[in-house]
Every structure is written in structure tokens, then in C-alpha cells.
Amino acid sequence: MSTRAFTYRRGRRAASGRSLGRLGLSGALLLVAGVAWAVTGLRMTGMDNGPGSDPGALSFYLSTWVVMMAAMMFPSIVPVALAHRELDRRATRGGQRGGSSMFVLGYLVVWTAAGIVGYVVLEAGRSLDGGLLAWHEAGRWAAAGVLLLAAGYELTPLKRKYLMRCRAPRAALLEHWREGQGSGLRIGMRHGGACLGCCWALMAALFALGAMSLGWMLLISVLIAAEKLLPRRAITIVGVASVLGALGVGIAAVPTRVPQLTIPGSAKTMHAMGAMGAASLSRDRPAPRAPARRAGPA
């Protein structure tokens, strides 16, 4: 076999290996996201109490939040993860072992920290407001205000700056590329910070709509993916801002007409919470014992 033919065949094998690697990474992220959606659906059954839903104990909230982030964010970071894999492979002649895993871990670390901050803010508001932020007091207007704030943030230069880092991952990764041990973790955390700067207002909107609602989770996930992946960036941003603004106006004006919105304290909510409590009691109650049979005469 000639040297030229050997080089050609080796190049084709290398290209095939790269394609399989990219396909494997994409498939793994999407598979984890799908499983995370299923787990989130199971954990949140009966917990949607509308805006300001009780997040539960910190341990429950944090574990649920991490799974939520995997479900909501992994599909939209596939292009970034692939770009990191390719750059890492070229920089280290084959890529560091576990480099992609460390990148994803670093990304989740940032969103986990953001989730803890959100929990502290939410619990502090619930304990210090003295009932002021109850739905039938100022809660309705606070939820509408958060949504309108999120809509306004979509149109700011700061949002545009962070969104461009998410939409042009290769340039953003090269800007801060560092080789060596732990580089995947550091780069993942840096990209997680850019993603947080891009999407924090959308996450705040999720809390305003009901963080324990699978339907609102799905909507916010679609908006995040649309911003990062669709080709027409300017049109998409205006569309996302319009959706958030319409929801804010709807909650302020006629909340009962907003689709999928759970009104705190409504009959529907109380029925759902009662059903969940009854199910919990039935699971915890020991099964009745069969009555003892008396021994008959011999």
C-alpha cells in the first residue's frame, strides 16, 4: 500500500472516530436531559402551588434543582460541549480523559450555586414579608413585575453580550482557553457564568410563574433553547420578550385567563394539595393486620 493511500485511510478513520465521539457526546447529553425530565415530573407531582410555591427543605430543593437544570439546559449546551471537545482534542492531541465530563460538571456547579442563592432569596422573602407577598396581597403584582422585568432584560445590551457568548461558543472558549489539569472544570464554570448572565431573568420568570410546574419549566426551556439555537437572534429575542411581557400583563390584569397558571389558594390548588397529602398518608400508614384466628376445639 502506498504512503498516500495509507495516510488517506488513516485520515478517514480519524474523521469517523471524531464523528462517533461527537454523536456520543450529543446523545449522552440529550439522554440525560430526557431522564431528568422524567425524574422531575415524578418529583413535582402535586407540588405546583403557583407563584411562590414552597420549595421544601433545602436538601429536597437542591437535588430537584440540579435535576431540573440538567433537563432544561443540557439540550441547549450541546453545541458548546461539542466545541469544547474539539478544542480540547486539538490542544492535547486526543483530548484529556474526562474533559467533557468536567466541562459539564463545571457548568452545573455554577447553576447549583445560583439555585442556592435563589432558595435563600425565596425563603427570606417568605419569612420576612409578613404576608405582604401573599397572592391576594402584593404577590400577584410582584409576579407580574418579575415577568415584565425579565421581558425588559431581554432587550438590554448586557443580555445581548452574554447571549452572543452562548451562540458563538468556539470564539468564547478560545478567548479564555487554558490548558492543564482542571481546565475542563474551569472552562465549564466560565461558560456556566455566561449562561447565568444570559438566562437569570428567565429563571426568575419561572419562579414568578411557579417553579414547581412542569408546564412552565417546559416553556422556559423552549425559550432558552430558541434564544441560543435559532438562527434569527434579533427576532427570537423580541419574540421571547413579547411572551414574557404578555404573561406579565396577563397576570396583572386577568390571572384567571392565563393558561396553565395555578392561582395560590384556589379550590383547584387546595384539592391538589389535599390529594397529595392523602396519598402521602396512605403510603406512610401501616397495612392493617388480619384478625387472629381462634383455635377450634381439637
C-alpha atoms as a PDB file:
ATOM      1  CA  MET A   1       0.000   0.000   0.000  1.00  0.00           C
ATOM      2  CA  SER A   2       1.396   3.425  -0.917  1.00  0.00           C
ATOM      3  CA  THR A   3       2.112   6.057   1.719  1.00  0.00           C
ATOM      4  CA  ARG A   4      -0.532   8.322   0.230  1.00  0.00           C
ATOM      5  CA  ALA A   5      -3.233   5.643   0.398  1.00  0.00           C
ATOM      6  CA  PHE A   6      -2.260   4.761   3.968  1.00  0.00           C
ATOM      7  CA  THR A   7      -2.448   8.416   5.022  1.00  0.00           C
ATOM      8  CA  TYR A   8      -5.840   8.773   3.339  1.00  0.00           C
ATOM      9  CA  ARG A   9      -7.270   5.718   5.091  1.00  0.00           C
ATOM     10  CA  ARG A  10      -5.893   6.811   8.463  1.00  0.00           C
ATOM     11  CA  GLY A  11      -7.432  10.253   7.958  1.00  0.00           C
ATOM     12  CA  ARG A  12     -10.809   8.705   7.189  1.00  0.00           C
ATOM     13  CA  ARG A  13     -10.635   6.520  10.306  1.00  0.00           C
ATOM     14  CA  ALA A  14      -9.768   9.560  12.427  1.00  0.00           C
ATOM     15  CA  ALA A  15     -12.664  11.553  10.939  1.00  0.00           C
ATOM     16  CA  SER A  16     -15.017   8.646  11.565  1.00  0.00           C
ATOM     17  CA  GLY A  17     -13.822   8.441  15.172  1.00  0.00           C
ATOM     18  CA  ARG A  18     -14.412  12.176  15.655  1.00  0.00           C
ATOM     19  CA  SER A  19     -17.921  11.892  14.244  1.00  0.00           C
ATOM     20  CA  LEU A  20     -18.742   8.995  16.547  1.00  0.00           C
ATOM     21  CA  GLY A  21     -17.346  10.910  19.501  1.00  0.00           C
ATOM     22  CA  ARG A  22     -19.463  13.961  18.698  1.00  0.00           C
ATOM     23  CA  LEU A  23     -22.528  11.796  18.238  1.00  0.00           C
ATOM     24  CA  GLY A  24     -21.862  10.007  21.519  1.00  0.00           C
ATOM     25  CA  LEU A  25     -21.481  13.261  23.469  1.00  0.00           C
ATOM     26  CA  SER A  26     -24.623  14.770  21.933  1.00  0.00           C
ATOM     27  CA  GLY A  27     -26.602  11.603  22.573  1.00  0.00           C
ATOM     28  CA  ALA A  28     -25.391  11.381  26.174  1.00  0.00           C
ATOM     29  CA  LEU A  29     -26.430  14.953  26.964  1.00  0.00           C
ATOM     30  CA  LEU A  30     -29.844  14.508  25.374  1.00  0.00           C
ATOM     31  CA  LEU A  31     -30.371  11.149  27.087  1.00  0.00           C
ATOM     32  CA  VAL A  32     -29.519  12.611  30.500  1.00  0.00           C
ATOM     33  CA  ALA A  33     -31.866  15.515  29.793  1.00  0.00           C
ATOM     34  CA  GLY A  34     -34.687  13.113  28.922  1.00  0.00           C
ATOM     35  CA  VAL A  35     -34.181  11.072  32.089  1.00  0.00           C
ATOM     36  CA  ALA A  36     -34.010  14.297  34.110  1.00  0.00           C
ATOM     37  CA  TRP A  37     -37.369  15.410  32.684  1.00  0.00           C
ATOM     38  CA  ALA A  38     -38.920  12.106  33.719  1.00  0.00           C
ATOM     39  CA  VAL A  39     -37.469  12.292  37.242  1.00  0.00           C
ATOM     40  CA  THR A  40     -38.529  15.924  37.621  1.00  0.00           C
ATOM     41  CA  GLY A  41     -42.062  15.063  36.594  1.00  0.00           C
ATOM     42  CA  LEU A  42     -42.244  12.357  39.250  1.00  0.00           C
ATOM     43  CA  ARG A  43     -40.794  14.535  41.996  1.00  0.00           C
ATOM     44  CA  MET A  44     -43.040  17.521  41.292  1.00  0.00           C
ATOM     45  CA  THR A  45     -46.354  15.690  41.166  1.00  0.00           C
ATOM     46  CA  GLY A  46     -48.906  17.669  43.182  1.00  0.00           C
ATOM     47  CA  MET A  47     -46.394  20.356  44.250  1.00  0.00           C
ATOM     48  CA  ASP A  48     -47.448  23.191  41.931  1.00  0.00           C
ATOM     49  CA  ASN A  49     -48.974  25.855  44.148  1.00  0.00           C
ATOM     50  CA  GLY A  50     -48.453  28.641  41.634  1.00  0.00           C
ATOM     51  CA  PRO A  51     -46.186  31.672  42.084  1.00  0.00           C
ATOM     52  CA  GLY A  52     -44.171  31.482  45.269  1.00  0.00           C
ATOM     53  CA  SER A  53     -44.604  27.721  45.670  1.00  0.00           C
ATOM     54  CA  ASP A  54     -42.945  26.319  48.783  1.00  0.00           C
ATOM     55  CA  PRO A  55     -39.606  24.846  47.596  1.00  0.00           C
ATOM     56  CA  GLY A  56     -39.465  22.432  50.536  1.00  0.00           C
ATOM     57  CA  ALA A  57     -36.387  21.567  52.564  1.00  0.00           C
ATOM     58  CA  LEU A  58     -33.008  22.651  51.176  1.00  0.00           C
ATOM     59  CA  SER A  59     -31.894  19.066  50.509  1.00  0.00           C
ATOM     60  CA  PHE A  60     -35.041  18.283  48.509  1.00  0.00           C
ATOM     61  CA  TYR A  61     -34.925  21.608  46.666  1.00  0.00           C
ATOM     62  CA  LEU A  62     -31.247  21.327  45.781  1.00  0.00           C
ATOM     63  CA  SER A  63     -31.467  17.796  44.439  1.00  0.00           C
ATOM     64  CA  THR A  64     -34.568  18.739  42.444  1.00  0.00           C
ATOM     65  CA  TRP A  65     -32.918  21.922  41.164  1.00  0.00           C
ATOM     66  CA  VAL A  66     -29.843  20.105  39.835  1.00  0.00           C
ATOM     67  CA  VAL A  67     -32.040  17.592  38.009  1.00  0.00           C
ATOM     68  CA  MET A  68     -34.140  20.495  36.668  1.00  0.00           C
ATOM     69  CA  MET A  69     -31.036  22.210  35.302  1.00  0.00           C
ATOM     70  CA  ALA A  70     -29.963  19.028  33.539  1.00  0.00           C
ATOM     71  CA  ALA A  71     -33.423  18.725  31.991  1.00  0.00           C
ATOM     72  CA  MET A  72     -33.748  22.368  30.977  1.00  0.00           C
ATOM     73  CA  MET A  73     -30.202  23.333  29.973  1.00  0.00           C
ATOM     74  CA  PHE A  74     -28.428  20.257  28.589  1.00  0.00           C
ATOM     75  CA  PRO A  75     -30.159  20.331  25.169  1.00  0.00           C
ATOM     76  CA  SER A  76     -29.073  23.935  24.602  1.00  0.00           C
ATOM     77  CA  ILE A  77     -25.415  23.393  25.629  1.00  0.00           C
ATOM     78  CA  VAL A  78     -24.812  20.587  23.120  1.00  0.00           C
ATOM     79  CA  PRO A  79     -23.079  22.946  20.596  1.00  0.00           C
ATOM     80  CA  VAL A  80     -20.837  24.384  23.346  1.00  0.00           C
ATOM     81  CA  ALA A  81     -19.919  20.952  24.681  1.00  0.00           C
ATOM     82  CA  LEU A  82     -19.035  19.807  21.155  1.00  0.00           C
ATOM     83  CA  ALA A  83     -16.899  22.910  20.568  1.00  0.00           C
ATOM     84  CA  HIS A  84     -15.078  22.311  23.860  1.00  0.00           C
ATOM     85  CA  ARG A  85     -14.486  18.669  22.957  1.00  0.00           C
ATOM     86  CA  GLU A  86     -12.993  19.610  19.588  1.00  0.00           C
ATOM     87  CA  LEU A  87     -10.724  22.324  21.018  1.00  0.00           C
ATOM     88  CA  ASP A  88      -9.598  20.048  23.830  1.00  0.00           C
ATOM     89  CA  ARG A  89      -8.849  17.250  21.358  1.00  0.00           C
ATOM     90  CA  ARG A  90      -6.693  19.540  19.223  1.00  0.00           C
ATOM     91  CA  ALA A  91      -4.891  21.170  22.142  1.00  0.00           C
ATOM     92  CA  THR A  92      -3.982  17.917  23.875  1.00  0.00           C
ATOM     93  CA  ARG A  93      -3.623  15.610  20.830  1.00  0.00           C
ATOM     94  CA  GLY A  94      -6.626  13.466  21.515  1.00  0.00           C
ATOM     95  CA  GLY A  95      -8.263  15.243  24.442  1.00  0.00           C
ATOM     96  CA  GLN A  96      -7.936  14.856  28.193  1.00  0.00           C
ATOM     97  CA  ARG A  97      -9.665  11.863  29.722  1.00  0.00           C
ATOM     98  CA  GLY A  98     -12.976  13.029  31.142  1.00  0.00           C
ATOM     99  CA  GLY A  99     -12.573  16.537  29.737  1.00  0.00           C
ATOM    100  CA  SER A 100     -16.175  16.784  28.531  1.00  0.00           C
ATOM    101  CA  SER A 101     -17.498  15.417  31.825  1.00  0.00           C
ATOM    102  CA  MET A 102     -15.526  18.022  33.762  1.00  0.00           C
ATOM    103  CA  PHE A 103     -16.825  20.757  31.466  1.00  0.00           C
ATOM    104  CA  VAL A 104     -20.445  19.726  32.146  1.00  0.00           C
ATOM    105  CA  LEU A 105     -19.705  19.404  35.870  1.00  0.00           C
ATOM    106  CA  GLY A 106     -18.280  22.937  35.982  1.00  0.00           C
ATOM    107  CA  TYR A 107     -21.381  24.207  34.188  1.00  0.00           C
ATOM    108  CA  LEU A 108     -23.642  22.526  36.764  1.00  0.00           C
ATOM    109  CA  VAL A 109     -21.593  23.896  39.665  1.00  0.00           C
ATOM    110  CA  VAL A 110     -22.443  27.456  38.630  1.00  0.00           C
ATOM    111  CA  TRP A 111     -26.154  26.726  38.232  1.00  0.00           C
ATOM    112  CA  THR A 112     -26.201  24.864  41.564  1.00  0.00           C
ATOM    113  CA  ALA A 113     -24.749  27.937  43.272  1.00  0.00           C
ATOM    114  CA  ALA A 114     -27.356  30.087  41.535  1.00  0.00           C
ATOM    115  CA  GLY A 115     -30.066  27.736  42.771  1.00  0.00           C
ATOM    116  CA  ILE A 116     -28.860  28.098  46.357  1.00  0.00           C
ATOM    117  CA  VAL A 117     -28.979  31.886  46.045  1.00  0.00           C
ATOM    118  CA  GLY A 118     -32.499  31.651  44.636  1.00  0.00           C
ATOM    119  CA  TYR A 119     -33.567  29.433  47.534  1.00  0.00           C
ATOM    120  CA  VAL A 120     -32.156  31.854  50.123  1.00  0.00           C
ATOM    121  CA  VAL A 121     -33.866  34.828  48.477  1.00  0.00           C
ATOM    122  CA  LEU A 122     -37.184  32.998  48.215  1.00  0.00           C
ATOM    123  CA  GLU A 123     -37.129  31.747  51.803  1.00  0.00           C
ATOM    124  CA  ALA A 124     -36.041  35.148  53.114  1.00  0.00           C
ATOM    125  CA  GLY A 125     -38.910  36.793  51.269  1.00  0.00           C
ATOM    126  CA  ARG A 126     -41.382  34.244  52.590  1.00  0.00           C
ATOM    127  CA  SER A 127     -40.240  34.712  56.193  1.00  0.00           C
ATOM    128  CA  LEU A 128     -39.820  38.500  56.249  1.00  0.00           C
ATOM    129  CA  ASP A 129     -42.724  39.790  54.155  1.00  0.00           C
ATOM    130  CA  GLY A 130     -45.288  39.350  56.928  1.00  0.00           C
ATOM    131  CA  GLY A 131     -47.855  38.116  54.420  1.00  0.00           C
ATOM    132  CA  LEU A 132     -47.357  41.121  52.147  1.00  0.00           C
ATOM    133  CA  LEU A 133     -46.286  38.916  49.227  1.00  0.00           C
ATOM    134  CA  ALA A 134     -49.257  36.581  49.544  1.00  0.00           C
ATOM    135  CA  TRP A 135     -51.042  36.182  46.220  1.00  0.00           C
ATOM    136  CA  HIS A 136     -54.132  38.165  47.226  1.00  0.00           C
ATOM    137  CA  GLU A 137     -51.988  40.972  48.673  1.00  0.00           C
ATOM    138  CA  ALA A 138     -48.950  42.102  46.650  1.00  0.00           C
ATOM    139  CA  GLY A 139     -47.926  38.668  45.367  1.00  0.00           C
ATOM    140  CA  ARG A 140     -49.851  38.936  42.129  1.00  0.00           C
ATOM    141  CA  TRP A 141     -48.242  42.283  41.323  1.00  0.00           C
ATOM    142  CA  ALA A 142     -44.811  41.062  42.353  1.00  0.00           C
ATOM    143  CA  ALA A 143     -45.107  38.097  39.955  1.00  0.00           C
ATOM    144  CA  ALA A 144     -46.234  40.391  37.151  1.00  0.00           C
ATOM    145  CA  GLY A 145     -43.360  42.775  37.917  1.00  0.00           C
ATOM    146  CA  VAL A 146     -40.759  39.992  37.752  1.00  0.00           C
ATOM    147  CA  LEU A 147     -42.080  38.885  34.370  1.00  0.00           C
ATOM    148  CA  LEU A 148     -42.045  42.438  32.992  1.00  0.00           C
ATOM    149  CA  LEU A 149     -38.509  42.895  34.358  1.00  0.00           C
ATOM    150  CA  ALA A 150     -37.447  39.684  32.610  1.00  0.00           C
ATOM    151  CA  ALA A 151     -39.022  40.922  29.375  1.00  0.00           C
ATOM    152  CA  GLY A 152     -37.139  44.207  29.646  1.00  0.00           C
ATOM    153  CA  TYR A 153     -33.820  42.474  30.345  1.00  0.00           C
ATOM    154  CA  GLU A 154     -34.156  40.581  27.064  1.00  0.00           C
ATOM    155  CA  LEU A 155     -33.682  43.871  25.200  1.00  0.00           C
ATOM    156  CA  THR A 156     -30.625  45.153  27.105  1.00  0.00           C
ATOM    157  CA  PRO A 157     -27.022  45.259  25.828  1.00  0.00           C
ATOM    158  CA  LEU A 158     -25.922  43.098  28.772  1.00  0.00           C
ATOM    159  CA  LYS A 159     -28.283  40.330  27.719  1.00  0.00           C
ATOM    160  CA  ARG A 160     -27.019  40.609  24.146  1.00  0.00           C
ATOM    161  CA  LYS A 161     -23.406  40.353  25.343  1.00  0.00           C
ATOM    162  CA  TYR A 162     -23.943  37.134  27.291  1.00  0.00           C
ATOM    163  CA  LEU A 163     -26.189  35.619  24.639  1.00  0.00           C
ATOM    164  CA  MET A 164     -23.511  36.114  21.992  1.00  0.00           C
ATOM    165  CA  ARG A 165     -21.087  34.096  24.137  1.00  0.00           C
ATOM    166  CA  CYS A 166     -23.617  31.268  24.217  1.00  0.00           C
ATOM    167  CA  ARG A 167     -24.360  31.459  20.487  1.00  0.00           C
ATOM    168  CA  ALA A 168     -20.697  31.647  19.387  1.00  0.00           C
ATOM    169  CA  PRO A 169     -19.137  29.040  21.693  1.00  0.00           C
ATOM    170  CA  ARG A 170     -15.868  28.479  19.848  1.00  0.00           C
ATOM    171  CA  ALA A 171     -14.849  32.144  19.993  1.00  0.00           C
ATOM    172  CA  ALA A 172     -15.876  32.414  23.657  1.00  0.00           C
ATOM    173  CA  LEU A 173     -13.953  29.257  24.580  1.00  0.00           C
ATOM    174  CA  LEU A 174     -10.812  30.333  22.724  1.00  0.00           C
ATOM    175  CA  GLU A 175     -10.879  33.700  24.474  1.00  0.00           C
ATOM    176  CA  HIS A 176     -10.330  32.079  27.868  1.00  0.00           C
ATOM    177  CA  TRP A 177      -8.716  28.787  26.879  1.00  0.00           C
ATOM    178  CA  ARG A 178      -6.199  27.377  29.363  1.00  0.00           C
ATOM    179  CA  GLU A 179      -4.516  24.004  29.194  1.00  0.00           C
ATOM    180  CA  GLY A 180      -3.623  21.779  32.098  1.00  0.00           C
ATOM    181  CA  GLN A 181      -5.330  19.781  34.818  1.00  0.00           C
ATOM    182  CA  GLY A 182      -8.784  21.037  35.691  1.00  0.00           C
ATOM    183  CA  SER A 183      -9.103  23.113  32.536  1.00  0.00           C
ATOM    184  CA  GLY A 184     -12.411  21.467  31.615  1.00  0.00           C
ATOM    185  CA  LEU A 185     -13.884  22.306  35.015  1.00  0.00           C
ATOM    186  CA  ARG A 186     -12.712  25.926  34.852  1.00  0.00           C
ATOM    187  CA  ILE A 187     -13.957  26.447  31.322  1.00  0.00           C
ATOM    188  CA  GLY A 188     -17.281  24.818  32.184  1.00  0.00           C
ATOM    189  CA  MET A 189     -17.680  27.165  35.140  1.00  0.00           C
ATOM    190  CA  ARG A 190     -16.816  30.160  32.988  1.00  0.00           C
ATOM    191  CA  HIS A 191     -19.375  29.167  30.379  1.00  0.00           C
ATOM    192  CA  GLY A 192     -21.886  28.492  33.160  1.00  0.00           C
ATOM    193  CA  GLY A 193     -21.322  32.069  34.343  1.00  0.00           C
ATOM    194  CA  ALA A 194     -22.017  33.419  30.859  1.00  0.00           C
ATOM    195  CA  CYS A 195     -25.126  31.243  30.623  1.00  0.00           C
ATOM    196  CA  LEU A 196     -26.287  32.501  34.019  1.00  0.00           C
ATOM    197  CA  GLY A 197     -25.816  36.088  32.859  1.00  0.00           C
ATOM    198  CA  CYS A 198     -27.897  35.255  29.806  1.00  0.00           C
ATOM    199  CA  CYS A 199     -30.700  33.298  31.489  1.00  0.00           C
ATOM    200  CA  TRP A 200     -31.063  34.517  35.091  1.00  0.00           C
ATOM    201  CA  ALA A 201     -34.116  36.620  34.225  1.00  0.00           C
ATOM    202  CA  LEU A 202     -35.796  33.659  32.539  1.00  0.00           C
ATOM    203  CA  MET A 203     -35.213  31.597  35.687  1.00  0.00           C
ATOM    204  CA  ALA A 204     -36.675  34.415  37.777  1.00  0.00           C
ATOM    205  CA  ALA A 205     -39.687  34.317  35.464  1.00  0.00           C
ATOM    206  CA  LEU A 206     -40.006  30.592  36.186  1.00  0.00           C
ATOM    207  CA  PHE A 207     -40.206  31.303  39.917  1.00  0.00           C
ATOM    208  CA  ALA A 208     -42.782  34.027  39.257  1.00  0.00           C
ATOM    209  CA  LEU A 209     -44.951  31.596  37.285  1.00  0.00           C
ATOM    210  CA  GLY A 210     -44.472  28.593  39.569  1.00  0.00           C
ATOM    211  CA  ALA A 211     -41.129  26.819  39.844  1.00  0.00           C
ATOM    212  CA  MET A 212     -42.835  23.521  40.682  1.00  0.00           C
ATOM    213  CA  SER A 213     -44.867  23.472  37.460  1.00  0.00           C
ATOM    214  CA  LEU A 214     -43.673  21.114  34.742  1.00  0.00           C
ATOM    215  CA  GLY A 215     -45.569  23.130  32.124  1.00  0.00           C
ATOM    216  CA  TRP A 216     -43.817  26.403  32.964  1.00  0.00           C
ATOM    217  CA  MET A 217     -40.489  24.578  33.110  1.00  0.00           C
ATOM    218  CA  LEU A 218     -41.069  23.348  29.582  1.00  0.00           C
ATOM    219  CA  LEU A 219     -41.973  26.829  28.328  1.00  0.00           C
ATOM    220  CA  ILE A 220     -38.865  28.447  29.830  1.00  0.00           C
ATOM    221  CA  SER A 221     -36.712  25.614  28.437  1.00  0.00           C
ATOM    222  CA  VAL A 222     -38.104  26.216  24.954  1.00  0.00           C
ATOM    223  CA  LEU A 223     -37.425  29.964  25.232  1.00  0.00           C
ATOM    224  CA  ILE A 224     -33.839  29.332  26.371  1.00  0.00           C
ATOM    225  CA  ALA A 225     -33.174  26.855  23.553  1.00  0.00           C
ATOM    226  CA  ALA A 226     -34.763  29.186  20.985  1.00  0.00           C
ATOM    227  CA  GLU A 227     -32.519  32.086  22.003  1.00  0.00           C
ATOM    228  CA  LYS A 228     -29.359  30.002  21.838  1.00  0.00           C
ATOM    229  CA  LEU A 229     -30.024  27.816  18.825  1.00  0.00           C
ATOM    230  CA  LEU A 230     -32.354  29.529  16.341  1.00  0.00           C
ATOM    231  CA  PRO A 231     -30.624  31.457  13.538  1.00  0.00           C
ATOM    232  CA  ARG A 232     -32.525  34.781  13.752  1.00  0.00           C
ATOM    233  CA  ARG A 233     -31.194  36.129  17.031  1.00  0.00           C
ATOM    234  CA  ALA A 234     -32.835  39.569  16.995  1.00  0.00           C
ATOM    235  CA  ILE A 235     -36.262  38.237  16.036  1.00  0.00           C
ATOM    236  CA  THR A 236     -36.027  35.471  18.634  1.00  0.00           C
ATOM    237  CA  ILE A 237     -35.141  37.907  21.423  1.00  0.00           C
ATOM    238  CA  VAL A 238     -38.109  40.119  20.567  1.00  0.00           C
ATOM    239  CA  GLY A 239     -40.337  37.039  20.499  1.00  0.00           C
ATOM    240  CA  VAL A 240     -39.118  35.873  23.930  1.00  0.00           C
ATOM    241  CA  ALA A 241     -39.570  39.363  25.381  1.00  0.00           C
ATOM    242  CA  SER A 242     -43.089  39.501  23.930  1.00  0.00           C
ATOM    243  CA  VAL A 243     -44.041  36.161  25.536  1.00  0.00           C
ATOM    244  CA  LEU A 244     -42.736  37.266  28.940  1.00  0.00           C
ATOM    245  CA  GLY A 245     -44.388  40.659  28.636  1.00  0.00           C
ATOM    246  CA  ALA A 246     -47.720  39.129  27.664  1.00  0.00           C
ATOM    247  CA  LEU A 247     -47.586  36.792  30.665  1.00  0.00           C
ATOM    248  CA  GLY A 248     -46.770  39.703  32.971  1.00  0.00           C
ATOM    249  CA  VAL A 249     -49.663  41.788  31.663  1.00  0.00           C
ATOM    250  CA  GLY A 250     -51.971  38.773  31.833  1.00  0.00           C
ATOM    251  CA  ILE A 251     -51.150  38.080  35.474  1.00  0.00           C
ATOM    252  CA  ALA A 252     -51.618  41.730  36.381  1.00  0.00           C
ATOM    253  CA  ALA A 253     -54.912  42.108  34.505  1.00  0.00           C
ATOM    254  CA  VAL A 254     -56.717  38.756  34.349  1.00  0.00           C
ATOM    255  CA  PRO A 255     -54.680  35.997  36.040  1.00  0.00           C
ATOM    256  CA  THR A 256     -57.539  33.517  35.789  1.00  0.00           C
ATOM    257  CA  ARG A 257     -57.281  33.693  31.993  1.00  0.00           C
ATOM    258  CA  VAL A 258     -53.560  32.862  31.863  1.00  0.00           C
ATOM    259  CA  PRO A 259     -53.258  29.259  30.616  1.00  0.00           C
ATOM    260  CA  GLN A 260     -51.559  26.801  32.978  1.00  0.00           C
ATOM    261  CA  LEU A 261     -51.299  29.374  35.784  1.00  0.00           C
ATOM    262  CA  THR A 262     -52.104  27.934  39.204  1.00  0.00           C
ATOM    263  CA  ILE A 263     -53.663  30.558  41.472  1.00  0.00           C
ATOM    264  CA  PRO A 264     -52.368  30.119  45.046  1.00  0.00           C
ATOM    265  CA  GLY A 265     -55.170  29.333  47.464  1.00  0.00           C
ATOM    266  CA  SER A 266     -57.665  28.459  44.732  1.00  0.00           C
ATOM    267  CA  ALA A 267     -60.027  25.490  45.075  1.00  0.00           C
ATOM    268  CA  LYS A 268     -58.059  23.618  42.410  1.00  0.00           C
ATOM    269  CA  THR A 269     -54.810  24.143  44.307  1.00  0.00           C
ATOM    270  CA  MET A 270     -56.269  23.082  47.639  1.00  0.00           C
ATOM    271  CA  HIS A 271     -57.753  19.962  46.064  1.00  0.00           C
ATOM    272  CA  ALA A 272     -54.404  19.013  44.514  1.00  0.00           C
ATOM    273  CA  MET A 273     -52.521  19.613  47.765  1.00  0.00           C
ATOM    274  CA  GLY A 274     -55.136  17.632  49.698  1.00  0.00           C
ATOM    275  CA  ALA A 275     -54.857  14.732  47.275  1.00  0.00           C
ATOM    276  CA  MET A 276     -51.076  14.758  47.605  1.00  0.00           C
ATOM    277  CA  GLY A 277     -51.342  14.780  51.400  1.00  0.00           C
ATOM    278  CA  ALA A 278     -53.824  11.905  51.376  1.00  0.00           C
ATOM    279  CA  ALA A 279     -51.550   9.888  49.110  1.00  0.00           C
ATOM    280  CA  SER A 280     -48.621  10.562  51.431  1.00  0.00           C
ATOM    281  CA  LEU A 281     -50.623   9.446  54.463  1.00  0.00           C
ATOM    282  CA  SER A 282     -51.754   6.281  52.732  1.00  0.00           C
ATOM    283  CA  ARG A 283     -48.154   5.419  51.885  1.00  0.00           C
ATOM    284  CA  ASP A 284     -46.993   6.017  55.448  1.00  0.00           C
ATOM    285  CA  ARG A 285     -49.908   4.239  57.196  1.00  0.00           C
ATOM    286  CA  PRO A 286     -49.092   0.592  58.010  1.00  0.00           C
ATOM    287  CA  ALA A 287     -51.251  -2.018  56.354  1.00  0.00           C
ATOM    288  CA  PRO A 288     -54.000  -3.409  58.611  1.00  0.00           C
ATOM    289  CA  ARG A 289     -53.299  -6.788  60.128  1.00  0.00           C
ATOM    290  CA  ALA A 290     -55.582  -9.706  59.517  1.00  0.00           C
ATOM    291  CA  PRO A 291     -57.581 -10.667  62.612  1.00  0.00           C
ATOM    292  CA  ALA A 292     -56.154 -13.565  64.583  1.00  0.00           C
ATOM    293  CA  ARG A 293     -57.973 -16.813  64.036  1.00  0.00           C
ATOM    294  CA  ARG A 294     -59.173 -18.589  67.136  1.00  0.00           C
ATOM    295  CA  ALA A 295     -58.149 -22.154  67.571  1.00  0.00           C
ATOM    296  CA  GLY A 296     -61.129 -24.502  67.377  1.00  0.00           C
ATOM    297  CA  PRO A 297     -61.691 -27.487  69.586  1.00  0.00           C
ATOM    298  CA  ALA A 298     -59.400 -30.363  68.922  1.00  0.00           C
END
